[in-house]
Structure formats: C-alpha cells, structure tokens
Amino acid sequence: MKLGDLVFFYHSNYKPPHIAGVAKICKEGYPDFTAQDPESKYFDEKATPENPRWMMVDIEPVIALKKTISLQEMRDNPALEGMKLLMKGSRLSVQPVTKDHFNIICEMGGIDKISIE
C-alpha cells in the first residue's frame, strides 16, 4: 500500500463482518511495534527488529458508507464475482480491489464513486 491509496475499512471481528467506510493511507508500511512488545496481546516471540514479521500502515478516514455492506451482501452480488475477499479459502488481511469492484461497493454503500488514481 502506498501513500494516498484508498482502502476499505472492514470490520472483520463484527457480526456480521462488513465494510463501513473508505480510508486513505497516510503513512506507508512500517514494523508493527506491538508484535515486539511482550506486554501486548499481539506479541510474537519470533518478531525482532531485524525481522519484524508484521507490518502496519496508518490510515485516515475519507468517508463513511451510508449503509454498511456485509460480507454476505458482497457474496450475493454477481457484479463482485472474482473479488479476492470473496474467493473460497481467502482470509482478509490486505488484498487488492479492482477499480470496478471498489466503485460497486461504494455504490452499494450509498456513496458516489470516488476517484481512484
């Protein structure tokens, strides 16, 4: 992910999982310091300064969807066929989204298409 890239804000730990809005990358990837903090619930004993194993980015909100879009709603929309998030066995972390899929989800969420460079 690069500075200025648009991303979906996805609540994966919510029932049901859903997209709630659009955000923008405001700081490119850097080591996730929580993975190296023994007091953190995200501590990874294999993570070191030389081999951080986990990376993070900073995001800032762009716009909230007027209507959240559940994972099931995305699966039920044939126009989203081929979207990596919806492929069998796929785990959400960081996945590319095509411009067409991005705009379809924005439309489903009740917002106008956003300019993607």
PDB file of N, CA and C in Angstrom:
ATOM      1  N   MET A   1       0.851  -1.172   0.000  1.00  0.00           N
ATOM      2  CA  MET A   1       0.000   0.000   0.000  1.00  0.00           C
ATOM      3  C   MET A   1       0.895   1.233   0.000  1.00  0.00           C
ATOM      4  N   LYS A   2       0.487   2.181  -0.789  1.00  0.00           N
ATOM      5  CA  LYS A   2       1.275   3.396  -0.952  1.00  0.00           C
ATOM      6  C   LYS A   2       0.533   4.600  -0.377  1.00  0.00           C
ATOM      7  N   LEU A   3       1.284   5.614  -0.042  1.00  0.00           N
ATOM      8  CA  LEU A   3       0.722   6.858   0.464  1.00  0.00           C
ATOM      9  C   LEU A   3      -0.365   7.366  -0.477  1.00  0.00           C
ATOM     10  N   GLY A   4      -1.531   7.655   0.064  1.00  0.00           N
ATOM     11  CA  GLY A   4      -2.644   8.168  -0.731  1.00  0.00           C
ATOM     12  C   GLY A   4      -3.577   7.102  -1.271  1.00  0.00           C
ATOM     13  N   ASP A   5      -3.192   5.825  -1.227  1.00  0.00           N
ATOM     14  CA  ASP A   5      -4.083   4.758  -1.698  1.00  0.00           C
ATOM     15  C   ASP A   5      -5.364   4.757  -0.865  1.00  0.00           C
ATOM     16  N   LEU A   6      -6.462   4.471  -1.536  1.00  0.00           N
ATOM     17  CA  LEU A   6      -7.738   4.320  -0.839  1.00  0.00           C
ATOM     18  C   LEU A   6      -7.929   2.867  -0.440  1.00  0.00           C
ATOM     19  N   VAL A   7      -8.534   2.667   0.721  1.00  0.00           N
ATOM     20  CA  VAL A   7      -8.778   1.322   1.241  1.00  0.00           C
ATOM     21  C   VAL A   7     -10.182   1.281   1.843  1.00  0.00           C
ATOM     22  N   PHE A   8     -10.734   0.095   1.927  1.00  0.00           N
ATOM     23  CA  PHE A   8     -11.989  -0.070   2.642  1.00  0.00           C
ATOM     24  C   PHE A   8     -11.683  -0.320   4.112  1.00  0.00           C
ATOM     25  N   PHE A   9     -12.501   0.261   4.976  1.00  0.00           N
ATOM     26  CA  PHE A   9     -12.419  -0.025   6.404  1.00  0.00           C
ATOM     27  C   PHE A   9     -13.382  -1.172   6.649  1.00  0.00           C
ATOM     28  N   TYR A  10     -12.822  -2.342   6.951  1.00  0.00           N
ATOM     29  CA  TYR A  10     -13.586  -3.582   7.056  1.00  0.00           C
ATOM     30  C   TYR A  10     -13.584  -4.057   8.503  1.00  0.00           C
ATOM     31  N   HIS A  11     -14.761  -4.254   9.066  1.00  0.00           N
ATOM     32  CA  HIS A  11     -14.889  -4.776  10.429  1.00  0.00           C
ATOM     33  C   HIS A  11     -14.947  -6.301  10.338  1.00  0.00           C
ATOM     34  N   SER A  12     -13.815  -6.952  10.499  1.00  0.00           N
ATOM     35  CA  SER A  12     -13.769  -8.410  10.362  1.00  0.00           C
ATOM     36  C   SER A  12     -14.183  -9.117  11.656  1.00  0.00           C
ATOM     37  N   ASN A  13     -14.100  -8.441  12.778  1.00  0.00           N
ATOM     38  CA  ASN A  13     -14.420  -9.048  14.068  1.00  0.00           C
ATOM     39  C   ASN A  13     -15.801  -8.639  14.554  1.00  0.00           C
ATOM     40  N   TYR A  14     -16.667  -8.283  13.645  1.00  0.00           N
ATOM     41  CA  TYR A  14     -18.013  -7.833  13.969  1.00  0.00           C
ATOM     42  C   TYR A  14     -18.993  -8.833  13.382  1.00  0.00           C
ATOM     43  N   LYS A  15     -20.129  -8.996  13.977  1.00  0.00           N
ATOM     44  CA  LYS A  15     -21.145  -9.905  13.440  1.00  0.00           C
ATOM     45  C   LYS A  15     -22.303  -9.096  12.879  1.00  0.00           C
ATOM     46  N   PRO A  16     -22.585  -9.123  11.599  1.00  0.00           N
ATOM     47  CA  PRO A  16     -21.781  -9.789  10.573  1.00  0.00           C
ATOM     48  C   PRO A  16     -20.607  -8.908  10.146  1.00  0.00           C
ATOM     49  N   PRO A  17     -19.535  -9.543   9.618  1.00  0.00           N
ATOM     50  CA  PRO A  17     -18.419  -8.761   9.087  1.00  0.00           C
ATOM     51  C   PRO A  17     -18.932  -7.832   7.984  1.00  0.00           C
ATOM     52  N   HIS A  18     -18.370  -6.622   7.922  1.00  0.00           N
ATOM     53  CA  HIS A  18     -18.870  -5.674   6.924  1.00  0.00           C
ATOM     54  C   HIS A  18     -17.861  -4.562   6.619  1.00  0.00           C
ATOM     55  N   ILE A  19     -18.081  -3.916   5.480  1.00  0.00           N
ATOM     56  CA  ILE A  19     -17.330  -2.716   5.123  1.00  0.00           C
ATOM     57  C   ILE A  19     -18.123  -1.527   5.640  1.00  0.00           C
ATOM     58  N   ALA A  20     -17.422  -0.629   6.353  1.00  0.00           N
ATOM     59  CA  ALA A  20     -18.097   0.512   6.972  1.00  0.00           C
ATOM     60  C   ALA A  20     -17.741   1.835   6.310  1.00  0.00           C
ATOM     61  N   GLY A  21     -16.623   1.878   5.594  1.00  0.00           N
ATOM     62  CA  GLY A  21     -16.231   3.150   5.005  1.00  0.00           C
ATOM     63  C   GLY A  21     -14.983   3.047   4.165  1.00  0.00           C
ATOM     64  N   VAL A  22     -14.533   4.209   3.708  1.00  0.00           N
ATOM     65  CA  VAL A  22     -13.334   4.328   2.890  1.00  0.00           C
ATOM     66  C   VAL A  22     -12.320   5.147   3.684  1.00  0.00           C
ATOM     67  N   ALA A  23     -11.070   4.710   3.654  1.00  0.00           N
ATOM     68  CA  ALA A  23      -9.983   5.417   4.310  1.00  0.00           C
ATOM     69  C   ALA A  23      -8.846   5.604   3.309  1.00  0.00           C
ATOM     70  N   LYS A  24      -7.847   6.371   3.727  1.00  0.00           N
ATOM     71  CA  LYS A  24      -6.702   6.650   2.858  1.00  0.00           C
ATOM     72  C   LYS A  24      -5.427   6.358   3.641  1.00  0.00           C
ATOM     73  N   ILE A  25      -4.435   5.780   2.955  1.00  0.00           N
ATOM     74  CA  ILE A  25      -3.142   5.521   3.579  1.00  0.00           C
ATOM     75  C   ILE A  25      -2.453   6.869   3.795  1.00  0.00           C
ATOM     76  N   CYS A  26      -2.126   7.170   5.065  1.00  0.00           N
ATOM     77  CA  CYS A  26      -1.447   8.435   5.361  1.00  0.00           C
ATOM     78  C   CYS A  26      -0.016   8.206   5.850  1.00  0.00           C
ATOM     79  N   LYS A  27       0.351   6.940   6.082  1.00  0.00           N
ATOM     80  CA  LYS A  27       1.740   6.595   6.389  1.00  0.00           C
ATOM     81  C   LYS A  27       1.971   5.187   5.867  1.00  0.00           C
ATOM     82  N   GLU A  28       2.994   5.044   5.024  1.00  0.00           N
ATOM     83  CA  GLU A  28       3.286   3.737   4.425  1.00  0.00           C
ATOM     84  C   GLU A  28       3.785   2.751   5.476  1.00  0.00           C
ATOM     85  N   GLY A  29       3.880   1.496   5.054  1.00  0.00           N
ATOM     86  CA  GLY A  29       4.205   0.391   5.944  1.00  0.00           C
ATOM     87  C   GLY A  29       5.446   0.571   6.786  1.00  0.00           C
ATOM     88  N   TYR A  30       5.332   0.139   8.039  1.00  0.00           N
ATOM     89  CA  TYR A  30       6.447   0.131   8.978  1.00  0.00           C
ATOM     90  C   TYR A  30       6.208  -1.023   9.957  1.00  0.00           C
ATOM     91  N   PRO A  31       7.271  -1.480  10.644  1.00  0.00           N
ATOM     92  CA  PRO A  31       7.118  -2.628  11.537  1.00  0.00           C
ATOM     93  C   PRO A  31       6.066  -2.375  12.618  1.00  0.00           C
ATOM     94  N   ASP A  32       5.258  -3.387  12.866  1.00  0.00           N
ATOM     95  CA  ASP A  32       4.246  -3.337  13.916  1.00  0.00           C
ATOM     96  C   ASP A  32       4.947  -3.529  15.260  1.00  0.00           C
ATOM     97  N   PHE A  33       5.108  -2.436  15.975  1.00  0.00           N
ATOM     98  CA  PHE A  33       5.835  -2.462  17.242  1.00  0.00           C
ATOM     99  C   PHE A  33       5.133  -3.311  18.295  1.00  0.00           C
ATOM    100  N   THR A  34       3.819  -3.523  18.174  1.00  0.00           N
ATOM    101  CA  THR A  34       3.119  -4.324  19.180  1.00  0.00           C
ATOM    102  C   THR A  34       3.555  -5.788  19.135  1.00  0.00           C
ATOM    103  N   ALA A  35       4.029  -6.239  17.987  1.00  0.00           N
ATOM    104  CA  ALA A  35       4.478  -7.630  17.856  1.00  0.00           C
ATOM    105  C   ALA A  35       5.764  -7.875  18.635  1.00  0.00           C
ATOM    106  N   GLN A  36       6.495  -6.803  18.958  1.00  0.00           N
ATOM    107  CA  GLN A  36       7.756  -6.940  19.685  1.00  0.00           C
ATOM    108  C   GLN A  36       7.629  -6.507  21.146  1.00  0.00           C
ATOM    109  N   ASP A  37       6.412  -6.253  21.584  1.00  0.00           N
ATOM    110  CA  ASP A  37       6.164  -5.818  22.954  1.00  0.00           C
ATOM    111  C   ASP A  37       5.599  -6.991  23.761  1.00  0.00           C
ATOM    112  N   PRO A  38       6.389  -7.554  24.681  1.00  0.00           N
ATOM    113  CA  PRO A  38       5.926  -8.711  25.453  1.00  0.00           C
ATOM    114  C   PRO A  38       4.644  -8.451  26.257  1.00  0.00           C
ATOM    115  N   GLU A  39       4.316  -7.194  26.499  1.00  0.00           N
ATOM    116  CA  GLU A  39       3.103  -6.849  27.248  1.00  0.00           C
ATOM    117  C   GLU A  39       1.866  -6.769  26.345  1.00  0.00           C
ATOM    118  N   SER A  40       2.065  -6.794  25.025  1.00  0.00           N
ATOM    119  CA  SER A  40       0.966  -6.656  24.071  1.00  0.00           C
ATOM    120  C   SER A  40       0.305  -8.005  23.801  1.00  0.00           C
ATOM    121  N   LYS A  41      -1.012  -7.973  23.611  1.00  0.00           N
ATOM    122  CA  LYS A  41      -1.701  -9.216  23.247  1.00  0.00           C
ATOM    123  C   LYS A  41      -1.327  -9.660  21.831  1.00  0.00           C
ATOM    124  N   TYR A  42      -0.643  -8.798  21.065  1.00  0.00           N
ATOM    125  CA  TYR A  42      -0.206  -9.122  19.711  1.00  0.00           C
ATOM    126  C   TYR A  42       1.264  -9.540  19.661  1.00  0.00           C
ATOM    127  N   PHE A  43       1.851  -9.768  20.806  1.00  0.00           N
ATOM    128  CA  PHE A  43       3.268 -10.148  20.883  1.00  0.00           C
ATOM    129  C   PHE A  43       3.538 -11.408  20.070  1.00  0.00           C
ATOM    130  N   ASP A  44       4.623 -11.363  19.302  1.00  0.00           N
ATOM    131  CA  ASP A  44       5.081 -12.509  18.510  1.00  0.00           C
ATOM    132  C   ASP A  44       6.540 -12.725  18.867  1.00  0.00           C
ATOM    133  N   GLU A  45       6.815 -13.794  19.578  1.00  0.00           N
ATOM    134  CA  GLU A  45       8.179 -14.033  20.058  1.00  0.00           C
ATOM    135  C   GLU A  45       9.199 -14.180  18.926  1.00  0.00           C
ATOM    136  N   LYS A  46       8.740 -14.457  17.724  1.00  0.00           N
ATOM    137  CA  LYS A  46       9.658 -14.582  16.584  1.00  0.00           C
ATOM    138  C   LYS A  46       9.951 -13.239  15.916  1.00  0.00           C
ATOM    139  N   ALA A  47       9.212 -12.203  16.266  1.00  0.00           N
ATOM    140  CA  ALA A  47       9.431 -10.880  15.673  1.00  0.00           C
ATOM    141  C   ALA A  47      10.626 -10.204  16.338  1.00  0.00           C
ATOM    142  N   THR A  48      11.533  -9.703  15.527  1.00  0.00           N
ATOM    143  CA  THR A  48      12.715  -8.995  16.026  1.00  0.00           C
ATOM    144  C   THR A  48      12.884  -7.706  15.223  1.00  0.00           C
ATOM    145  N   PRO A  49      13.706  -6.782  15.691  1.00  0.00           N
ATOM    146  CA  PRO A  49      13.954  -5.572  14.891  1.00  0.00           C
ATOM    147  C   PRO A  49      14.526  -5.899  13.506  1.00  0.00           C
ATOM    148  N   GLU A  50      15.319  -6.956  13.410  1.00  0.00           N
ATOM    149  CA  GLU A  50      15.902  -7.350  12.125  1.00  0.00           C
ATOM    150  C   GLU A  50      14.893  -8.061  11.231  1.00  0.00           C
ATOM    151  N   ASN A  51      13.945  -8.760  11.825  1.00  0.00           N
ATOM    152  CA  ASN A  51      12.913  -9.497  11.110  1.00  0.00           C
ATOM    153  C   ASN A  51      11.579  -9.251  11.806  1.00  0.00           C
ATOM    154  N   PRO A  52      10.962  -8.085  11.539  1.00  0.00           N
ATOM    155  CA  PRO A  52       9.759  -7.713  12.295  1.00  0.00           C
ATOM    156  C   PRO A  52       8.547  -8.613  12.066  1.00  0.00           C
ATOM    157  N   ARG A  53       8.466  -9.324  10.976  1.00  0.00           N
ATOM    158  CA  ARG A  53       7.388 -10.259  10.636  1.00  0.00           C
ATOM    159  C   ARG A  53       6.036  -9.613  10.385  1.00  0.00           C
ATOM    160  N   TRP A  54       5.686  -8.577  11.086  1.00  0.00           N
ATOM    161  CA  TRP A  54       4.382  -7.915  10.954  1.00  0.00           C
ATOM    162  C   TRP A  54       4.594  -6.450  10.605  1.00  0.00           C
ATOM    163  N   MET A  55       3.787  -5.983   9.653  1.00  0.00           N
ATOM    164  CA  MET A  55       3.866  -4.586   9.227  1.00  0.00           C
ATOM    165  C   MET A  55       2.508  -3.933   9.432  1.00  0.00           C
ATOM    166  N   MET A  56       2.514  -2.613   9.503  1.00  0.00           N
ATOM    167  CA  MET A  56       1.270  -1.864   9.649  1.00  0.00           C
ATOM    168  C   MET A  56       1.349  -0.582   8.833  1.00  0.00           C
ATOM    169  N   VAL A  57       0.213   0.001   8.551  1.00  0.00           N
ATOM    170  CA  VAL A  57       0.126   1.297   7.889  1.00  0.00           C
ATOM    171  C   VAL A  57      -0.786   2.171   8.742  1.00  0.00           C
ATOM    172  N   ASP A  58      -0.677   3.467   8.563  1.00  0.00           N
ATOM    173  CA  ASP A  58      -1.615   4.380   9.211  1.00  0.00           C
ATOM    174  C   ASP A  58      -2.627   4.816   8.173  1.00  0.00           C
ATOM    175  N   ILE A  59      -3.876   4.932   8.617  1.00  0.00           N
ATOM    176  CA  ILE A  59      -4.942   5.358   7.719  1.00  0.00           C
ATOM    177  C   ILE A  59      -5.680   6.546   8.321  1.00  0.00           C
ATOM    178  N   GLU A  60      -6.351   7.294   7.450  1.00  0.00           N
ATOM    179  CA  GLU A  60      -7.231   8.361   7.913  1.00  0.00           C
ATOM    180  C   GLU A  60      -8.564   8.209   7.203  1.00  0.00           C
ATOM    181  N   PRO A  61      -9.652   8.526   7.877  1.00  0.00           N
ATOM    182  CA  PRO A  61     -10.971   8.346   7.262  1.00  0.00           C
ATOM    183  C   PRO A  61     -11.177   9.281   6.077  1.00  0.00           C
ATOM    184  N   VAL A  62     -11.891   8.778   5.079  1.00  0.00           N
ATOM    185  CA  VAL A  62     -12.274   9.589   3.918  1.00  0.00           C
ATOM    186  C   VAL A  62     -13.779   9.802   3.957  1.00  0.00           C
ATOM    187  N   ILE A  63     -14.539   8.692   4.016  1.00  0.00           N
ATOM    188  CA  ILE A  63     -15.997   8.798   4.053  1.00  0.00           C
ATOM    189  C   ILE A  63     -16.587   7.516   4.616  1.00  0.00           C
ATOM    190  N   ALA A  64     -17.620   7.670   5.426  1.00  0.00           N
ATOM    191  CA  ALA A  64     -18.359   6.507   5.933  1.00  0.00           C
ATOM    192  C   ALA A  64     -19.403   6.122   4.891  1.00  0.00           C
ATOM    193  N   LEU A  65     -19.621   4.836   4.730  1.00  0.00           N
ATOM    194  CA  LEU A  65     -20.700   4.401   3.861  1.00  0.00           C
ATOM    195  C   LEU A  65     -22.024   4.772   4.519  1.00  0.00           C
ATOM    196  N   LYS A  66     -23.002   5.144   3.725  1.00  0.00           N
ATOM    197  CA  LYS A  66     -24.330   5.447   4.263  1.00  0.00           C
ATOM    198  C   LYS A  66     -25.003   4.175   4.759  1.00  0.00           C
ATOM    199  N   LYS A  67     -24.612   3.051   4.150  1.00  0.00           N
ATOM    200  CA  LYS A  67     -25.132   1.733   4.530  1.00  0.00           C
ATOM    201  C   LYS A  67     -23.951   0.785   4.554  1.00  0.00           C
ATOM    202  N   THR A  68     -23.718   0.124   5.673  1.00  0.00           N
ATOM    203  CA  THR A  68     -22.626  -0.845   5.708  1.00  0.00           C
ATOM    204  C   THR A  68     -22.948  -2.008   4.766  1.00  0.00           C
ATOM    205  N   ILE A  69     -21.907  -2.623   4.253  1.00  0.00           N
ATOM    206  CA  ILE A  69     -22.064  -3.727   3.306  1.00  0.00           C
ATOM    207  C   ILE A  69     -21.502  -4.992   3.947  1.00  0.00           C
ATOM    208  N   SER A  70     -22.390  -5.940   4.225  1.00  0.00           N
ATOM    209  CA  SER A  70     -21.962  -7.181   4.874  1.00  0.00           C
ATOM    210  C   SER A  70     -21.235  -8.083   3.874  1.00  0.00           C
ATOM    211  N   LEU A  71     -20.455  -8.968   4.440  1.00  0.00           N
ATOM    212  CA  LEU A  71     -19.760  -9.956   3.620  1.00  0.00           C
ATOM    213  C   LEU A  71     -20.765 -10.755   2.791  1.00  0.00           C
ATOM    214  N   GLN A  72     -21.899 -11.120   3.400  1.00  0.00           N
ATOM    215  CA  GLN A  72     -22.914 -11.885   2.671  1.00  0.00           C
ATOM    216  C   GLN A  72     -23.489 -11.068   1.513  1.00  0.00           C
ATOM    217  N   GLU A  73     -23.742  -9.779   1.718  1.00  0.00           N
ATOM    218  CA  GLU A  73     -24.256  -8.938   0.636  1.00  0.00           C
ATOM    219  C   GLU A  73     -23.263  -8.885  -0.525  1.00  0.00           C
ATOM    220  N   MET A  74     -21.977  -8.833  -0.196  1.00  0.00           N
ATOM    221  CA  MET A  74     -20.966  -8.838  -1.262  1.00  0.00           C
ATOM    222  C   MET A  74     -20.989 -10.173  -1.999  1.00  0.00           C
ATOM    223  N   ARG A  75     -21.092 -11.257  -1.253  1.00  0.00           N
ATOM    224  CA  ARG A  75     -21.149 -12.590  -1.881  1.00  0.00           C
ATOM    225  C   ARG A  75     -22.376 -12.746  -2.765  1.00  0.00           C
ATOM    226  N   ASP A  76     -23.474 -12.103  -2.381  1.00  0.00           N
ATOM    227  CA  ASP A  76     -24.720 -12.216  -3.132  1.00  0.00           C
ATOM    228  C   ASP A  76     -24.762 -11.345  -4.378  1.00  0.00           C
ATOM    229  N   ASN A  77     -23.809 -10.454  -4.558  1.00  0.00           N
ATOM    230  CA  ASN A  77     -23.796  -9.542  -5.701  1.00  0.00           C
ATOM    231  C   ASN A  77     -22.945 -10.139  -6.826  1.00  0.00           C
ATOM    232  N   PRO A  78     -23.569 -10.584  -7.929  1.00  0.00           N
ATOM    233  CA  PRO A  78     -22.802 -11.201  -9.018  1.00  0.00           C
ATOM    234  C   PRO A  78     -21.790 -10.254  -9.653  1.00  0.00           C
ATOM    235  N   ALA A  79     -21.992  -8.954  -9.515  1.00  0.00           N
ATOM    236  CA  ALA A  79     -21.043  -7.990 -10.093  1.00  0.00           C
ATOM    237  C   ALA A  79     -19.701  -8.017  -9.364  1.00  0.00           C
ATOM    238  N   LEU A  80     -19.657  -8.636  -8.179  1.00  0.00           N
ATOM    239  CA  LEU A  80     -18.404  -8.714  -7.415  1.00  0.00           C
ATOM    240  C   LEU A  80     -17.690 -10.053  -7.600  1.00  0.00           C
ATOM    241  N   GLU A  81     -18.168 -10.844  -8.543  1.00  0.00           N
ATOM    242  CA  GLU A  81     -17.517 -12.132  -8.815  1.00  0.00           C
ATOM    243  C   GLU A  81     -16.034 -11.902  -9.112  1.00  0.00           C
ATOM    244  N   GLY A  82     -15.197 -12.740  -8.520  1.00  0.00           N
ATOM    245  CA  GLY A  82     -13.761 -12.635  -8.731  1.00  0.00           C
ATOM    246  C   GLY A  82     -13.046 -11.750  -7.720  1.00  0.00           C
ATOM    247  N   MET A  83     -13.785 -11.067  -6.862  1.00  0.00           N
ATOM    248  CA  MET A  83     -13.153 -10.238  -5.837  1.00  0.00           C
ATOM    249  C   MET A  83     -12.400 -11.145  -4.869  1.00  0.00           C
ATOM    250  N   LYS A  84     -11.139 -10.836  -4.608  1.00  0.00           N
ATOM    251  CA  LYS A  84     -10.284 -11.713  -3.792  1.00  0.00           C
ATOM    252  C   LYS A  84     -10.891 -12.015  -2.422  1.00  0.00           C
ATOM    253  N   LEU A  85     -11.487 -11.027  -1.786  1.00  0.00           N
ATOM    254  CA  LEU A  85     -12.101 -11.227  -0.470  1.00  0.00           C
ATOM    255  C   LEU A  85     -13.142 -12.334  -0.492  1.00  0.00           C
ATOM    256  N   LEU A  86     -13.822 -12.493  -1.623  1.00  0.00           N
ATOM    257  CA  LEU A  86     -14.940 -13.430  -1.705  1.00  0.00           C
ATOM    258  C   LEU A  86     -14.554 -14.815  -2.201  1.00  0.00           C
ATOM    259  N   MET A  87     -13.284 -14.999  -2.522  1.00  0.00           N
ATOM    260  CA  MET A  87     -12.838 -16.298  -3.033  1.00  0.00           C
ATOM    261  C   MET A  87     -12.730 -17.310  -1.895  1.00  0.00           C
ATOM    262  N   LYS A  88     -13.112 -18.547  -2.191  1.00  0.00           N
ATOM    263  CA  LYS A  88     -13.089 -19.625  -1.203  1.00  0.00           C
ATOM    264  C   LYS A  88     -11.681 -19.752  -0.598  1.00  0.00           C
ATOM    265  N   GLY A  89     -11.649 -19.837   0.731  1.00  0.00           N
ATOM    266  CA  GLY A  89     -10.382 -20.005   1.441  1.00  0.00           C
ATOM    267  C   GLY A  89      -9.615 -18.716   1.662  1.00  0.00           C
ATOM    268  N   SER A  90     -10.155 -17.615   1.217  1.00  0.00           N
ATOM    269  CA  SER A  90      -9.461 -16.342   1.355  1.00  0.00           C
ATOM    270  C   SER A  90      -9.611 -15.801   2.767  1.00  0.00           C
ATOM    271  N   ARG A  91      -8.520 -15.304   3.322  1.00  0.00           N
ATOM    272  CA  ARG A  91      -8.556 -14.656   4.631  1.00  0.00           C
ATOM    273  C   ARG A  91      -8.305 -13.177   4.417  1.00  0.00           C
ATOM    274  N   LEU A  92      -9.078 -12.364   5.076  1.00  0.00           N
ATOM    275  CA  LEU A  92      -8.911 -10.926   4.941  1.00  0.00           C
ATOM    276  C   LEU A  92      -7.671 -10.476   5.691  1.00  0.00           C
ATOM    277  N   SER A  93      -6.875  -9.742   5.023  1.00  0.00           N
ATOM    278  CA  SER A  93      -5.742  -9.053   5.629  1.00  0.00           C
ATOM    279  C   SER A  93      -5.570  -7.822   4.761  1.00  0.00           C
ATOM    280  N   VAL A  94      -4.712  -7.943   3.783  1.00  0.00           N
ATOM    281  CA  VAL A  94      -4.557  -6.884   2.794  1.00  0.00           C
ATOM    282  C   VAL A  94      -4.722  -7.544   1.445  1.00  0.00           C
ATOM    283  N   GLN A  95      -5.709  -7.088   0.707  1.00  0.00           N
ATOM    284  CA  GLN A  95      -5.987  -7.675  -0.600  1.00  0.00           C
ATOM    285  C   GLN A  95      -6.282  -6.573  -1.599  1.00  0.00           C
ATOM    286  N   PRO A  96      -5.846  -6.765  -2.831  1.00  0.00           N
ATOM    287  CA  PRO A  96      -6.169  -5.751  -3.845  1.00  0.00           C
ATOM    288  C   PRO A  96      -7.656  -5.769  -4.192  1.00  0.00           C
ATOM    289  N   VAL A  97      -8.161  -4.605  -4.561  1.00  0.00           N
ATOM    290  CA  VAL A  97      -9.554  -4.458  -5.003  1.00  0.00           C
ATOM    291  C   VAL A  97      -9.503  -3.715  -6.331  1.00  0.00           C
ATOM    292  N   THR A  98     -10.148  -4.265  -7.356  1.00  0.00           N
ATOM    293  CA  THR A  98     -10.146  -3.590  -8.660  1.00  0.00           C
ATOM    294  C   THR A  98     -10.957  -2.297  -8.582  1.00  0.00           C
ATOM    295  N   LYS A  99     -10.709  -1.402  -9.512  1.00  0.00           N
ATOM    296  CA  LYS A  99     -11.468  -0.146  -9.566  1.00  0.00           C
ATOM    297  C   LYS A  99     -12.958  -0.426  -9.718  1.00  0.00           C
ATOM    298  N   ASP A 100     -13.311  -1.391 -10.576  1.00  0.00           N
ATOM    299  CA  ASP A 100     -14.725  -1.722 -10.776  1.00  0.00           C
ATOM    300  C   ASP A 100     -15.368  -2.213  -9.485  1.00  0.00           C
ATOM    301  N   HIS A 101     -14.704  -3.145  -8.789  1.00  0.00           N
ATOM    302  CA  HIS A 101     -15.245  -3.668  -7.533  1.00  0.00           C
ATOM    303  C   HIS A 101     -15.321  -2.564  -6.478  1.00  0.00           C
ATOM    304  N   PHE A 102     -14.311  -1.711  -6.439  1.00  0.00           N
ATOM    305  CA  PHE A 102     -14.311  -0.598  -5.495  1.00  0.00           C
ATOM    306  C   PHE A 102     -15.540   0.279  -5.705  1.00  0.00           C
ATOM    307  N   ASN A 103     -15.794   0.634  -6.950  1.00  0.00           N
ATOM    308  CA  ASN A 103     -16.927   1.505  -7.261  1.00  0.00           C
ATOM    309  C   ASN A 103     -18.271   0.825  -7.008  1.00  0.00           C
ATOM    310  N   ILE A 104     -18.365  -0.472  -7.266  1.00  0.00           N
ATOM    311  CA  ILE A 104     -19.609  -1.210  -6.997  1.00  0.00           C
ATOM    312  C   ILE A 104     -19.905  -1.189  -5.503  1.00  0.00           C
ATOM    313  N   ILE A 105     -18.901  -1.419  -4.682  1.00  0.00           N
ATOM    314  CA  ILE A 105     -19.110  -1.418  -3.238  1.00  0.00           C
ATOM    315  C   ILE A 105     -19.484  -0.019  -2.741  1.00  0.00           C
ATOM    316  N   CYS A 106     -18.832   1.010  -3.280  1.00  0.00           N
ATOM    317  CA  CYS A 106     -19.210   2.381  -2.910  1.00  0.00           C
ATOM    318  C   CYS A 106     -20.687   2.626  -3.239  1.00  0.00           C
ATOM    319  N   GLU A 107     -21.099   2.191  -4.428  1.00  0.00           N
ATOM    320  CA  GLU A 107     -22.498   2.357  -4.841  1.00  0.00           C
ATOM    321  C   GLU A 107     -23.433   1.583  -3.915  1.00  0.00           C
ATOM    322  N   MET A 108     -23.070   0.339  -3.581  1.00  0.00           N
ATOM    323  CA  MET A 108     -23.883  -0.457  -2.657  1.00  0.00           C
ATOM    324  C   MET A 108     -24.015   0.245  -1.308  1.00  0.00           C
ATOM    325  N   GLY A 109     -22.963   0.958  -0.910  1.00  0.00           N
ATOM    326  CA  GLY A 109     -22.957   1.651   0.365  1.00  0.00           C
ATOM    327  C   GLY A 109     -23.601   3.021   0.342  1.00  0.00           C
ATOM    328  N   GLY A 110     -24.110   3.423  -0.832  1.00  0.00           N
ATOM    329  CA  GLY A 110     -24.841   4.675  -0.928  1.00  0.00           C
ATOM    330  C   GLY A 110     -23.995   5.912  -1.094  1.00  0.00           C
ATOM    331  N   ILE A 111     -22.743   5.731  -1.554  1.00  0.00           N
ATOM    332  CA  ILE A 111     -21.909   6.903  -1.813  1.00  0.00           C
ATOM    333  C   ILE A 111     -21.504   6.932  -3.287  1.00  0.00           C
ATOM    334  N   ASP A 112     -21.222   8.130  -3.775  1.00  0.00           N
ATOM    335  CA  ASP A 112     -20.797   8.277  -5.164  1.00  0.00           C
ATOM    336  C   ASP A 112     -19.443   7.638  -5.359  1.00  0.00           C
ATOM    337  N   LYS A 113     -19.155   7.304  -6.605  1.00  0.00           N
ATOM    338  CA  LYS A 113     -17.859   6.756  -6.943  1.00  0.00           C
ATOM    339  C   LYS A 113     -16.770   7.746  -6.507  1.00  0.00           C
ATOM    340  N   ILE A 114     -15.698   7.212  -6.003  1.00  0.00           N
ATOM    341  CA  ILE A 114     -14.567   8.012  -5.552  1.00  0.00           C
ATOM    342  C   ILE A 114     -13.465   7.886  -6.581  1.00  0.00           C
ATOM    343  N   SER A 115     -12.804   8.954  -6.886  1.00  0.00           N
ATOM    344  CA  SER A 115     -11.728   8.925  -7.863  1.00  0.00           C
ATOM    345  C   SER A 115     -10.564   8.092  -7.332  1.00  0.00           C
ATOM    346  N   ILE A 116     -10.221   7.050  -8.081  1.00  0.00           N
ATOM    347  CA  ILE A 116      -9.093   6.196  -7.735  1.00  0.00           C
ATOM    348  C   ILE A 116      -8.032   6.425  -8.792  1.00  0.00           C
ATOM    349  N   GLU A 117      -6.860   6.825  -8.356  1.00  0.00           N
ATOM    350  CA  GLU A 117      -5.772   7.088  -9.310  1.00  0.00           C
ATOM    351  C   GLU A 117      -5.067   5.831  -9.709  1.00  0.00           C
TER     352      GLU A 117
END
